[in-house]
């Protein structure tokens, strides 16, 4: 099964092509687009424009960010770090965090520890 969005709950497996997912994201017109939701995780794409503002609030679930493209800074609680292509950052549930000083459009794969398609 190859898909751009998974509509089947807890499939045996699913495969995604990043260009297809990004095209779906662009059509959706929202910063956050979940493309896989299973009982143990939600995976989606989060895109913020250059000089954009990240409206995130702390989440109820652990998450992992993988930066596909772009350049920005990420604050997590009292720490701050630069992120760019290949950066991978874990953020514990309830930690205050957000991207800022977005120098280039930021495209991020986000992995939430349990299913919650409305978060982002």
PDB file of N, CA and C in Angstrom:
ATOM      1  N   UNK A   1       0.847  -1.176   0.000  1.00  0.00           N
ATOM      2  CA  UNK A   1       0.000   0.000   0.000  1.00  0.00           C
ATOM      3  C   UNK A   1       0.892   1.239   0.000  1.00  0.00           C
ATOM      4  N   UNK A   2       0.739   2.114  -0.946  1.00  0.00           N
ATOM      5  CA  UNK A   2       1.450   3.378  -1.003  1.00  0.00           C
ATOM      6  C   UNK A   2       0.385   4.463  -0.960  1.00  0.00           C
ATOM      7  N   UNK A   3       0.554   5.406  -0.049  1.00  0.00           N
ATOM      8  CA  UNK A   3      -0.491   6.405   0.142  1.00  0.00           C
ATOM      9  C   UNK A   3       0.119   7.745   0.491  1.00  0.00           C
ATOM     10  N   UNK A   4      -0.647   8.814   0.254  1.00  0.00           N
ATOM     11  CA  UNK A   4      -0.198  10.118   0.709  1.00  0.00           C
ATOM     12  C   UNK A   4      -0.848  10.464   2.043  1.00  0.00           C
ATOM     13  N   UNK A   5      -2.029   9.951   2.288  1.00  0.00           N
ATOM     14  CA  UNK A   5      -2.675  10.111   3.586  1.00  0.00           C
ATOM     15  C   UNK A   5      -3.257   8.774   3.987  1.00  0.00           C
ATOM     16  N   UNK A   6      -3.091   8.406   5.243  1.00  0.00           N
ATOM     17  CA  UNK A   6      -3.621   7.133   5.709  1.00  0.00           C
ATOM     18  C   UNK A   6      -4.995   7.357   6.309  1.00  0.00           C
ATOM     19  N   UNK A   7      -5.995   6.689   5.767  1.00  0.00           N
ATOM     20  CA  UNK A   7      -7.342   6.785   6.312  1.00  0.00           C
ATOM     21  C   UNK A   7      -7.714   5.514   7.059  1.00  0.00           C
ATOM     22  N   UNK A   8      -6.896   4.485   6.951  1.00  0.00           N
ATOM     23  CA  UNK A   8      -7.161   3.224   7.624  1.00  0.00           C
ATOM     24  C   UNK A   8      -6.528   3.246   9.018  1.00  0.00           C
ATOM     25  N   UNK A   9      -7.304   2.943  10.032  1.00  0.00           N
ATOM     26  CA  UNK A   9      -6.812   2.937  11.414  1.00  0.00           C
ATOM     27  C   UNK A   9      -5.975   1.679  11.653  1.00  0.00           C
ATOM     28  N   UNK A  10      -4.746   1.841  12.113  1.00  0.00           N
ATOM     29  CA  UNK A  10      -3.817   0.758  12.439  1.00  0.00           C
ATOM     30  C   UNK A  10      -3.607  -0.252  11.302  1.00  0.00           C
ATOM     31  N   UNK A  11      -3.182   0.244  10.126  1.00  0.00           N
ATOM     32  CA  UNK A  11      -2.887  -0.685   9.029  1.00  0.00           C
ATOM     33  C   UNK A  11      -1.655  -1.522   9.386  1.00  0.00           C
ATOM     34  N   UNK A  12      -1.483  -2.618   8.700  1.00  0.00           N
ATOM     35  CA  UNK A  12      -0.285  -3.441   8.897  1.00  0.00           C
ATOM     36  C   UNK A  12       0.963  -2.656   8.543  1.00  0.00           C
ATOM     37  N   UNK A  13       0.873  -1.811   7.519  1.00  0.00           N
ATOM     38  CA  UNK A  13       1.988  -0.950   7.120  1.00  0.00           C
ATOM     39  C   UNK A  13       1.456   0.112   6.166  1.00  0.00           C
ATOM     40  N   UNK A  14       2.237   1.150   5.976  1.00  0.00           N
ATOM     41  CA  UNK A  14       1.886   2.210   5.029  1.00  0.00           C
ATOM     42  C   UNK A  14       3.186   2.843   4.549  1.00  0.00           C
ATOM     43  N   UNK A  15       3.212   3.298   3.319  1.00  0.00           N
ATOM     44  CA  UNK A  15       4.394   3.955   2.758  1.00  0.00           C
ATOM     45  C   UNK A  15       3.966   5.315   2.217  1.00  0.00           C
ATOM     46  N   UNK A  16       4.848   6.287   2.346  1.00  0.00           N
ATOM     47  CA  UNK A  16       4.550   7.645   1.927  1.00  0.00           C
ATOM     48  C   UNK A  16       5.726   8.210   1.156  1.00  0.00           C
ATOM     49  N   UNK A  17       5.444   9.016   0.155  1.00  0.00           N
ATOM     50  CA  UNK A  17       6.471   9.744  -0.588  1.00  0.00           C
ATOM     51  C   UNK A  17       6.397  11.189  -0.126  1.00  0.00           C
ATOM     52  N   UNK A  18       7.500  11.715   0.379  1.00  0.00           N
ATOM     53  CA  UNK A  18       7.504  13.067   0.920  1.00  0.00           C
ATOM     54  C   UNK A  18       7.008  14.116  -0.075  1.00  0.00           C
ATOM     55  N   UNK A  19       7.405  14.076  -1.349  1.00  0.00           N
ATOM     56  CA  UNK A  19       6.859  15.075  -2.290  1.00  0.00           C
ATOM     57  C   UNK A  19       5.330  15.026  -2.385  1.00  0.00           C
ATOM     58  N   UNK A  20       4.751  13.823  -2.319  1.00  0.00           N
ATOM     59  CA  UNK A  20       3.290  13.697  -2.359  1.00  0.00           C
ATOM     60  C   UNK A  20       2.654  14.280  -1.106  1.00  0.00           C
ATOM     61  N   UNK A  21       3.250  13.992   0.044  1.00  0.00           N
ATOM     62  CA  UNK A  21       2.733  14.523   1.305  1.00  0.00           C
ATOM     63  C   UNK A  21       2.819  16.050   1.309  1.00  0.00           C
ATOM     64  N   UNK A  22       3.934  16.588   0.826  1.00  0.00           N
ATOM     65  CA  UNK A  22       4.097  18.041   0.777  1.00  0.00           C
ATOM     66  C   UNK A  22       3.079  18.679  -0.166  1.00  0.00           C
ATOM     67  N   UNK A  23       2.771  18.021  -1.277  1.00  0.00           N
ATOM     68  CA  UNK A  23       1.760  18.541  -2.205  1.00  0.00           C
ATOM     69  C   UNK A  23       0.385  18.550  -1.534  1.00  0.00           C
ATOM     70  N   UNK A  24       0.068  17.491  -0.800  1.00  0.00           N
ATOM     71  CA  UNK A  24      -1.198  17.441  -0.056  1.00  0.00           C
ATOM     72  C   UNK A  24      -1.240  18.571   0.977  1.00  0.00           C
ATOM     73  N   UNK A  25      -0.112  18.780   1.646  1.00  0.00           N
ATOM     74  CA  UNK A  25      -0.026  19.842   2.647  1.00  0.00           C
ATOM     75  C   UNK A  25      -0.306  21.201   2.012  1.00  0.00           C
ATOM     76  N   UNK A  26       0.311  21.457   0.875  1.00  0.00           N
ATOM     77  CA  UNK A  26       0.127  22.739   0.187  1.00  0.00           C
ATOM     78  C   UNK A  26      -1.337  22.951  -0.176  1.00  0.00           C
ATOM     79  N   UNK A  27      -2.000  21.897  -0.651  1.00  0.00           N
ATOM     80  CA  UNK A  27      -3.417  21.994  -1.006  1.00  0.00           C
ATOM     81  C   UNK A  27      -4.294  22.256   0.207  1.00  0.00           C
ATOM     82  N   UNK A  28      -3.903  21.714   1.368  1.00  0.00           N
ATOM     83  CA  UNK A  28      -4.704  21.874   2.586  1.00  0.00           C
ATOM     84  C   UNK A  28      -4.696  23.316   3.085  1.00  0.00           C
ATOM     85  N   UNK A  29      -3.600  24.036   2.845  1.00  0.00           N
ATOM     86  CA  UNK A  29      -3.540  25.442   3.224  1.00  0.00           C
ATOM     87  C   UNK A  29      -3.437  25.701   4.719  1.00  0.00           C
ATOM     88  N   UNK A  30      -3.010  24.731   5.493  1.00  0.00           N
ATOM     89  CA  UNK A  30      -2.836  24.872   6.934  1.00  0.00           C
ATOM     90  C   UNK A  30      -1.398  24.549   7.302  1.00  0.00           C
ATOM     91  N   UNK A  31      -0.875  25.098   8.411  1.00  0.00           N
ATOM     92  CA  UNK A  31       0.510  24.791   8.789  1.00  0.00           C
ATOM     93  C   UNK A  31       0.723  23.313   9.125  1.00  0.00           C
ATOM     94  N   UNK A  32      -0.286  22.648   9.675  1.00  0.00           N
ATOM     95  CA  UNK A  32      -0.160  21.270  10.160  1.00  0.00           C
ATOM     96  C   UNK A  32      -1.048  20.334   9.349  1.00  0.00           C
ATOM     97  N   UNK A  33      -0.465  19.230   8.867  1.00  0.00           N
ATOM     98  CA  UNK A  33      -1.231  18.207   8.161  1.00  0.00           C
ATOM     99  C   UNK A  33      -0.788  16.841   8.652  1.00  0.00           C
ATOM    100  N   UNK A  34      -1.630  16.148   9.442  1.00  0.00           N
ATOM    101  CA  UNK A  34      -1.289  14.778   9.819  1.00  0.00           C
ATOM    102  C   UNK A  34      -1.511  13.858   8.624  1.00  0.00           C
ATOM    103  N   UNK A  35      -0.575  12.927   8.395  1.00  0.00           N
ATOM    104  CA  UNK A  35      -0.777  11.997   7.287  1.00  0.00           C
ATOM    105  C   UNK A  35      -0.779  10.545   7.722  1.00  0.00           C
ATOM    106  N   UNK A  36      -0.472  10.267   8.974  1.00  0.00           N
ATOM    107  CA  UNK A  36      -0.587   8.908   9.512  1.00  0.00           C
ATOM    108  C   UNK A  36      -1.029   9.007  10.957  1.00  0.00           C
ATOM    109  N   UNK A  37      -2.124   8.343  11.266  1.00  0.00           N
ATOM    110  CA  UNK A  37      -2.604   8.271  12.636  1.00  0.00           C
ATOM    111  C   UNK A  37      -2.898   6.816  12.951  1.00  0.00           C
ATOM    112  N   UNK A  38      -2.153   6.276  13.901  1.00  0.00           N
ATOM    113  CA  UNK A  38      -2.369   4.915  14.386  1.00  0.00           C
ATOM    114  C   UNK A  38      -2.489   4.991  15.898  1.00  0.00           C
ATOM    115  N   UNK A  39      -2.749   3.883  16.547  1.00  0.00           N
ATOM    116  CA  UNK A  39      -3.014   3.928  17.982  1.00  0.00           C
ATOM    117  C   UNK A  39      -1.817   4.388  18.806  1.00  0.00           C
ATOM    118  N   UNK A  40      -0.615   4.271  18.290  1.00  0.00           N
ATOM    119  CA  UNK A  40       0.572   4.623  19.073  1.00  0.00           C
ATOM    120  C   UNK A  40       1.261   5.912  18.640  1.00  0.00           C
ATOM    121  N   UNK A  41       0.852   6.494  17.518  1.00  0.00           N
ATOM    122  CA  UNK A  41       1.491   7.738  17.084  1.00  0.00           C
ATOM    123  C   UNK A  41       0.669   8.456  16.031  1.00  0.00           C
ATOM    124  N   UNK A  42       0.981   9.733  15.895  1.00  0.00           N
ATOM    125  CA  UNK A  42       0.499  10.542  14.783  1.00  0.00           C
ATOM    126  C   UNK A  42       1.720  11.160  14.132  1.00  0.00           C
ATOM    127  N   UNK A  43       1.759  11.122  12.793  1.00  0.00           N
ATOM    128  CA  UNK A  43       2.866  11.709  12.047  1.00  0.00           C
ATOM    129  C   UNK A  43       2.277  12.737  11.083  1.00  0.00           C
ATOM    130  N   UNK A  44       2.921  13.881  11.017  1.00  0.00           N
ATOM    131  CA  UNK A  44       2.430  14.912  10.121  1.00  0.00           C
ATOM    132  C   UNK A  44       3.530  15.841   9.667  1.00  0.00           C
ATOM    133  N   UNK A  45       3.135  16.774   8.823  1.00  0.00           N
ATOM    134  CA  UNK A  45       4.036  17.789   8.290  1.00  0.00           C
ATOM    135  C   UNK A  45       3.617  19.120   8.896  1.00  0.00           C
ATOM    136  N   UNK A  46       4.609  19.884   9.344  1.00  0.00           N
ATOM    137  CA  UNK A  46       4.377  21.212   9.909  1.00  0.00           C
ATOM    138  C   UNK A  46       5.240  22.173   9.103  1.00  0.00           C
ATOM    139  N   UNK A  47       4.625  23.202   8.523  1.00  0.00           N
ATOM    140  CA  UNK A  47       5.346  24.155   7.685  1.00  0.00           C
ATOM    141  C   UNK A  47       5.080  25.568   8.193  1.00  0.00           C
ATOM    142  N   UNK A  48       6.161  26.305   8.362  1.00  0.00           N
ATOM    143  CA  UNK A  48       6.068  27.702   8.776  1.00  0.00           C
ATOM    144  C   UNK A  48       6.808  28.557   7.754  1.00  0.00           C
ATOM    145  N   UNK A  49       6.222  29.690   7.338  1.00  0.00           N
ATOM    146  CA  UNK A  49       6.859  30.526   6.325  1.00  0.00           C
ATOM    147  C   UNK A  49       8.051  31.300   6.889  1.00  0.00           C
ATOM    148  N   UNK A  50       8.905  31.743   5.991  1.00  0.00           N
ATOM    149  CA  UNK A  50      10.016  32.622   6.378  1.00  0.00           C
ATOM    150  C   UNK A  50       9.440  33.807   7.154  1.00  0.00           C
ATOM    151  N   UNK A  51      10.057  34.144   8.266  1.00  0.00           N
ATOM    152  CA  UNK A  51       9.647  35.245   9.152  1.00  0.00           C
ATOM    153  C   UNK A  51       8.277  35.005   9.789  1.00  0.00           C
ATOM    154  N   UNK A  52       7.773  33.779   9.716  1.00  0.00           N
ATOM    155  CA  UNK A  52       6.469  33.465  10.295  1.00  0.00           C
ATOM    156  C   UNK A  52       6.510  33.363  11.812  1.00  0.00           C
ATOM    157  N   UNK A  53       5.340  33.235  12.388  1.00  0.00           N
ATOM    158  CA  UNK A  53       5.190  33.095  13.838  1.00  0.00           C
ATOM    159  C   UNK A  53       4.625  31.708  14.124  1.00  0.00           C
ATOM    160  N   UNK A  54       5.273  30.993  15.023  1.00  0.00           N
ATOM    161  CA  UNK A  54       4.840  29.657  15.415  1.00  0.00           C
ATOM    162  C   UNK A  54       3.857  29.789  16.576  1.00  0.00           C
ATOM    163  N   UNK A  55       2.592  29.437  16.367  1.00  0.00           N
ATOM    164  CA  UNK A  55       1.590  29.622  17.417  1.00  0.00           C
ATOM    165  C   UNK A  55       1.482  28.451  18.403  1.00  0.00           C
ATOM    166  N   UNK A  56       2.407  27.524  18.367  1.00  0.00           N
ATOM    167  CA  UNK A  56       2.298  26.323  19.201  1.00  0.00           C
ATOM    168  C   UNK A  56       2.166  26.634  20.687  1.00  0.00           C
ATOM    169  N   UNK A  57       1.426  25.780  21.337  1.00  0.00           N
ATOM    170  CA  UNK A  57       1.326  25.736  22.791  1.00  0.00           C
ATOM    171  C   UNK A  57       1.855  24.363  23.197  1.00  0.00           C
ATOM    172  N   UNK A  58       2.222  24.177  24.457  1.00  0.00           N
ATOM    173  CA  UNK A  58       2.685  22.852  24.884  1.00  0.00           C
ATOM    174  C   UNK A  58       1.648  21.774  24.565  1.00  0.00           C
ATOM    175  N   UNK A  59       2.147  20.590  24.217  1.00  0.00           N
ATOM    176  CA  UNK A  59       1.288  19.471  23.834  1.00  0.00           C
ATOM    177  C   UNK A  59       1.147  18.470  24.968  1.00  0.00           C
ATOM    178  N   UNK A  60       0.139  17.659  24.876  1.00  0.00           N
ATOM    179  CA  UNK A  60      -0.118  16.603  25.866  1.00  0.00           C
ATOM    180  C   UNK A  60       0.734  15.363  25.616  1.00  0.00           C
ATOM    181  N   UNK A  61       1.460  15.329  24.496  1.00  0.00           N
ATOM    182  CA  UNK A  61       2.202  14.137  24.102  1.00  0.00           C
ATOM    183  C   UNK A  61       3.653  14.472  23.772  1.00  0.00           C
ATOM    184  N   UNK A  62       4.523  13.494  23.972  1.00  0.00           N
ATOM    185  CA  UNK A  62       5.907  13.640  23.525  1.00  0.00           C
ATOM    186  C   UNK A  62       5.900  13.777  22.007  1.00  0.00           C
ATOM    187  N   UNK A  63       6.916  14.479  21.500  1.00  0.00           N
ATOM    188  CA  UNK A  63       7.013  14.589  20.048  1.00  0.00           C
ATOM    189  C   UNK A  63       8.471  14.612  19.612  1.00  0.00           C
ATOM    190  N   UNK A  64       8.662  14.270  18.362  1.00  0.00           N
ATOM    191  CA  UNK A  64       9.980  14.296  17.745  1.00  0.00           C
ATOM    192  C   UNK A  64       9.856  15.101  16.469  1.00  0.00           C
ATOM    193  N   UNK A  65      10.751  16.084  16.315  1.00  0.00           N
ATOM    194  CA  UNK A  65      10.804  16.894  15.099  1.00  0.00           C
ATOM    195  C   UNK A  65      11.972  16.429  14.247  1.00  0.00           C
ATOM    196  N   UNK A  66      11.743  16.336  12.932  1.00  0.00           N
ATOM    197  CA  UNK A  66      12.820  16.122  11.961  1.00  0.00           C
ATOM    198  C   UNK A  66      12.687  17.232  10.928  1.00  0.00           C
ATOM    199  N   UNK A  67      13.693  18.116  10.866  1.00  0.00           N
ATOM    200  CA  UNK A  67      13.642  19.237   9.943  1.00  0.00           C
ATOM    201  C   UNK A  67      14.043  18.752   8.543  1.00  0.00           C
ATOM    202  N   UNK A  68      13.108  18.876   7.601  1.00  0.00           N
ATOM    203  CA  UNK A  68      13.338  18.472   6.215  1.00  0.00           C
ATOM    204  C   UNK A  68      14.075  19.575   5.468  1.00  0.00           C
ATOM    205  N   UNK A  69      13.616  20.814   5.652  1.00  0.00           N
ATOM    206  CA  UNK A  69      14.260  21.951   4.995  1.00  0.00           C
ATOM    207  C   UNK A  69      13.954  23.216   5.767  1.00  0.00           C
ATOM    208  N   UNK A  70      14.753  24.243   5.501  1.00  0.00           N
ATOM    209  CA  UNK A  70      14.572  25.527   6.142  1.00  0.00           C
ATOM    210  C   UNK A  70      15.578  25.756   7.249  1.00  0.00           C
ATOM    211  N   UNK A  71      15.465  26.925   7.862  1.00  0.00           N
ATOM    212  CA  UNK A  71      16.402  27.312   8.905  1.00  0.00           C
ATOM    213  C   UNK A  71      15.674  28.197   9.905  1.00  0.00           C
ATOM    214  N   UNK A  72      15.826  27.873  11.197  1.00  0.00           N
ATOM    215  CA  UNK A  72      15.168  28.642  12.247  1.00  0.00           C
ATOM    216  C   UNK A  72      15.861  28.358  13.571  1.00  0.00           C
ATOM    217  N   UNK A  73      15.300  28.923  14.608  1.00  0.00           N
ATOM    218  CA  UNK A  73      15.718  28.593  15.969  1.00  0.00           C
ATOM    219  C   UNK A  73      14.534  27.936  16.648  1.00  0.00           C
ATOM    220  N   UNK A  74      14.828  27.090  17.631  1.00  0.00           N
ATOM    221  CA  UNK A  74      13.794  26.407  18.393  1.00  0.00           C
ATOM    222  C   UNK A  74      14.076  26.646  19.862  1.00  0.00           C
ATOM    223  N   UNK A  75      13.081  27.152  20.569  1.00  0.00           N
ATOM    224  CA  UNK A  75      13.220  27.286  22.014  1.00  0.00           C
ATOM    225  C   UNK A  75      12.434  26.158  22.665  1.00  0.00           C
ATOM    226  N   UNK A  76      13.059  25.554  23.666  1.00  0.00           N
ATOM    227  CA  UNK A  76      12.409  24.519  24.466  1.00  0.00           C
ATOM    228  C   UNK A  76      12.688  24.885  25.912  1.00  0.00           C
ATOM    229  N   UNK A  77      11.612  25.263  26.618  1.00  0.00           N
ATOM    230  CA  UNK A  77      11.743  25.775  27.987  1.00  0.00           C
ATOM    231  C   UNK A  77      12.752  26.922  27.989  1.00  0.00           C
ATOM    232  N   UNK A  78      13.848  26.819  28.713  1.00  0.00           N
ATOM    233  CA  UNK A  78      14.808  27.936  28.782  1.00  0.00           C
ATOM    234  C   UNK A  78      15.986  27.766  27.826  1.00  0.00           C
ATOM    235  N   UNK A  79      15.975  26.720  27.005  1.00  0.00           N
ATOM    236  CA  UNK A  79      17.058  26.482  26.054  1.00  0.00           C
ATOM    237  C   UNK A  79      16.654  26.926  24.658  1.00  0.00           C
ATOM    238  N   UNK A  80      17.661  27.180  23.830  1.00  0.00           N
ATOM    239  CA  UNK A  80      17.424  27.586  22.452  1.00  0.00           C
ATOM    240  C   UNK A  80      18.503  26.976  21.575  1.00  0.00           C
ATOM    241  N   UNK A  81      18.142  26.605  20.352  1.00  0.00           N
ATOM    242  CA  UNK A  81      19.110  26.013  19.432  1.00  0.00           C
ATOM    243  C   UNK A  81      18.734  26.352  18.002  1.00  0.00           C
ATOM    244  N   UNK A  82      19.723  26.407  17.142  1.00  0.00           N
ATOM    245  CA  UNK A  82      19.475  26.557  15.723  1.00  0.00           C
ATOM    246  C   UNK A  82      19.105  25.202  15.141  1.00  0.00           C
ATOM    247  N   UNK A  83      18.168  25.189  14.177  1.00  0.00           N
ATOM    248  CA  UNK A  83      17.787  23.962  13.492  1.00  0.00           C
ATOM    249  C   UNK A  83      17.817  24.189  11.991  1.00  0.00           C
ATOM    250  N   UNK A  84      18.119  23.133  11.269  1.00  0.00           N
ATOM    251  CA  UNK A  84      18.150  23.162   9.816  1.00  0.00           C
ATOM    252  C   UNK A  84      17.969  21.758   9.297  1.00  0.00           C
ATOM    253  N   UNK A  85      18.118  21.557   7.987  1.00  0.00           N
ATOM    254  CA  UNK A  85      17.904  20.232   7.409  1.00  0.00           C
ATOM    255  C   UNK A  85      18.682  19.149   8.158  1.00  0.00           C
ATOM    256  N   UNK A  86      17.963  18.118   8.560  1.00  0.00           N
ATOM    257  CA  UNK A  86      18.568  17.008   9.279  1.00  0.00           C
ATOM    258  C   UNK A  86      18.501  17.124  10.788  1.00  0.00           C
ATOM    259  N   UNK A  87      18.184  18.313  11.309  1.00  0.00           N
ATOM    260  CA  UNK A  87      18.061  18.458  12.760  1.00  0.00           C
ATOM    261  C   UNK A  87      16.920  17.583  13.260  1.00  0.00           C
ATOM    262  N   UNK A  88      17.166  16.877  14.354  1.00  0.00           N
ATOM    263  CA  UNK A  88      16.167  16.019  14.971  1.00  0.00           C
ATOM    264  C   UNK A  88      16.109  16.373  16.448  1.00  0.00           C
ATOM    265  N   UNK A  89      14.933  16.746  16.925  1.00  0.00           N
ATOM    266  CA  UNK A  89      14.791  17.231  18.295  1.00  0.00           C
ATOM    267  C   UNK A  89      13.602  16.548  18.963  1.00  0.00           C
ATOM    268  N   UNK A  90      13.844  16.005  20.144  1.00  0.00           N
ATOM    269  CA  UNK A  90      12.785  15.421  20.984  1.00  0.00           C
ATOM    270  C   UNK A  90      12.291  16.495  21.947  1.00  0.00           C
ATOM    271  N   UNK A  91      10.967  16.591  22.111  1.00  0.00           N
ATOM    272  CA  UNK A  91      10.367  17.523  23.068  1.00  0.00           C
ATOM    273  C   UNK A  91       9.372  16.740  23.920  1.00  0.00           C
ATOM    274  N   UNK A  92       9.596  16.775  25.224  1.00  0.00           N
ATOM    275  CA  UNK A  92       8.735  16.070  26.172  1.00  0.00           C
ATOM    276  C   UNK A  92       7.365  16.743  26.256  1.00  0.00           C
ATOM    277  N   UNK A  93       6.345  15.952  26.533  1.00  0.00           N
ATOM    278  CA  UNK A  93       4.995  16.477  26.717  1.00  0.00           C
ATOM    279  C   UNK A  93       5.004  17.605  27.746  1.00  0.00           C
ATOM    280  N   UNK A  94       4.196  18.616  27.496  1.00  0.00           N
ATOM    281  CA  UNK A  94       3.987  19.774  28.368  1.00  0.00           C
ATOM    282  C   UNK A  94       5.136  20.786  28.356  1.00  0.00           C
ATOM    283  N   UNK A  95       6.228  20.525  27.642  1.00  0.00           N
ATOM    284  CA  UNK A  95       7.335  21.492  27.578  1.00  0.00           C
ATOM    285  C   UNK A  95       6.934  22.667  26.688  1.00  0.00           C
ATOM    286  N   UNK A  96       7.209  23.865  27.144  1.00  0.00           N
ATOM    287  CA  UNK A  96       6.945  25.061  26.353  1.00  0.00           C
ATOM    288  C   UNK A  96       7.984  25.116  25.238  1.00  0.00           C
ATOM    289  N   UNK A  97       7.544  25.194  23.989  1.00  0.00           N
ATOM    290  CA  UNK A  97       8.476  25.191  22.863  1.00  0.00           C
ATOM    291  C   UNK A  97       7.851  25.856  21.651  1.00  0.00           C
ATOM    292  N   UNK A  98       8.720  26.408  20.794  1.00  0.00           N
ATOM    293  CA  UNK A  98       8.262  26.975  19.517  1.00  0.00           C
ATOM    294  C   UNK A  98       9.456  27.333  18.647  1.00  0.00           C
ATOM    295  N   UNK A  99       9.194  27.391  17.353  1.00  0.00           N
ATOM    296  CA  UNK A  99      10.208  27.841  16.402  1.00  0.00           C
ATOM    297  C   UNK A  99      10.134  29.362  16.316  1.00  0.00           C
ATOM    298  N   UNK A 100      11.283  30.010  16.094  1.00  0.00           N
ATOM    299  CA  UNK A 100      11.312  31.460  15.942  1.00  0.00           C
ATOM    300  C   UNK A 100      12.499  31.835  15.059  1.00  0.00           C
ATOM    301  N   UNK A 101      12.619  33.109  14.722  1.00  0.00           N
ATOM    302  CA  UNK A 101      13.661  33.583  13.795  1.00  0.00           C
ATOM    303  C   UNK A 101      13.747  32.659  12.580  1.00  0.00           C
ATOM    304  N   UNK A 102      12.619  32.458  11.936  1.00  0.00           N
ATOM    305  CA  UNK A 102      12.547  31.555  10.786  1.00  0.00           C
ATOM    306  C   UNK A 102      13.161  32.266   9.587  1.00  0.00           C
ATOM    307  N   UNK A 103      14.370  31.854   9.224  1.00  0.00           N
ATOM    308  CA  UNK A 103      15.130  32.502   8.148  1.00  0.00           C
ATOM    309  C   UNK A 103      14.749  31.998   6.772  1.00  0.00           C
ATOM    310  N   UNK A 104      14.322  30.745   6.688  1.00  0.00           N
ATOM    311  CA  UNK A 104      13.877  30.120   5.433  1.00  0.00           C
ATOM    312  C   UNK A 104      12.655  29.284   5.765  1.00  0.00           C
ATOM    313  N   UNK A 105      11.701  29.202   4.830  1.00  0.00           N
ATOM    314  CA  UNK A 105      10.512  28.386   5.075  1.00  0.00           C
ATOM    315  C   UNK A 105      10.914  27.077   5.726  1.00  0.00           C
ATOM    316  N   UNK A 106      10.249  26.733   6.824  1.00  0.00           N
ATOM    317  CA  UNK A 106      10.597  25.570   7.619  1.00  0.00           C
ATOM    318  C   UNK A 106       9.612  24.449   7.345  1.00  0.00           C
ATOM    319  N   UNK A 107      10.134  23.296   6.905  1.00  0.00           N
ATOM    320  CA  UNK A 107       9.314  22.104   6.668  1.00  0.00           C
ATOM    321  C   UNK A 107       9.803  21.025   7.616  1.00  0.00           C
ATOM    322  N   UNK A 108       8.891  20.565   8.477  1.00  0.00           N
ATOM    323  CA  UNK A 108       9.254  19.661   9.557  1.00  0.00           C
ATOM    324  C   UNK A 108       8.326  18.457   9.568  1.00  0.00           C
ATOM    325  N   UNK A 109       8.905  17.263   9.703  1.00  0.00           N
ATOM    326  CA  UNK A 109       8.120  16.070   9.994  1.00  0.00           C
ATOM    327  C   UNK A 109       7.976  16.019  11.508  1.00  0.00           C
ATOM    328  N   UNK A 110       6.755  15.790  11.980  1.00  0.00           N
ATOM    329  CA  UNK A 110       6.476  15.749  13.412  1.00  0.00           C
ATOM    330  C   UNK A 110       5.893  14.384  13.752  1.00  0.00           C
ATOM    331  N   UNK A 111       6.457  13.751  14.768  1.00  0.00           N
ATOM    332  CA  UNK A 111       6.019  12.443  15.238  1.00  0.00           C
ATOM    333  C   UNK A 111       5.504  12.604  16.658  1.00  0.00           C
ATOM    334  N   UNK A 112       4.197  12.491  16.862  1.00  0.00           N
ATOM    335  CA  UNK A 112       3.611  12.519  18.200  1.00  0.00           C
ATOM    336  C   UNK A 112       3.538  11.097  18.733  1.00  0.00           C
ATOM    337  N   UNK A 113       3.759  10.937  20.031  1.00  0.00           N
ATOM    338  CA  UNK A 113       3.846   9.613  20.625  1.00  0.00           C
ATOM    339  C   UNK A 113       2.549   8.831  20.618  1.00  0.00           C
ATOM    340  N   UNK A 114       1.399   9.475  20.584  1.00  0.00           N
ATOM    341  CA  UNK A 114       0.130   8.781  20.486  1.00  0.00           C
ATOM    342  C   UNK A 114      -0.764   9.554  19.551  1.00  0.00           C
ATOM    343  N   UNK A 115      -1.793   8.923  19.066  1.00  0.00           N
ATOM    344  CA  UNK A 115      -2.654   9.537  18.064  1.00  0.00           C
ATOM    345  C   UNK A 115      -3.366  10.762  18.611  1.00  0.00           C
ATOM    346  N   UNK A 116      -3.252  11.860  17.892  1.00  0.00           N
ATOM    347  CA  UNK A 116      -3.947  13.093  18.231  1.00  0.00           C
ATOM    348  C   UNK A 116      -3.905  14.000  17.001  1.00  0.00           C
ATOM    349  N   UNK A 117      -4.744  13.747  16.002  1.00  0.00           N
ATOM    350  CA  UNK A 117      -4.622  14.457  14.736  1.00  0.00           C
ATOM    351  C   UNK A 117      -4.861  15.948  14.792  1.00  0.00           C
ATOM    352  N   UNK A 118      -5.447  16.489  15.846  1.00  0.00           N
ATOM    353  CA  UNK A 118      -5.716  17.911  15.861  1.00  0.00           C
ATOM    354  C   UNK A 118      -4.548  18.732  16.412  1.00  0.00           C
ATOM    355  N   UNK A 119      -3.520  18.109  16.936  1.00  0.00           N
ATOM    356  CA  UNK A 119      -2.392  18.859  17.491  1.00  0.00           C
ATOM    357  C   UNK A 119      -1.441  19.294  16.389  1.00  0.00           C
ATOM    358  N   UNK A 120      -0.686  20.316  16.662  1.00  0.00           N
ATOM    359  CA  UNK A 120       0.311  20.766  15.707  1.00  0.00           C
ATOM    360  C   UNK A 120       0.907  22.077  16.074  1.00  0.00           C
TER     361      UNK A 120
END
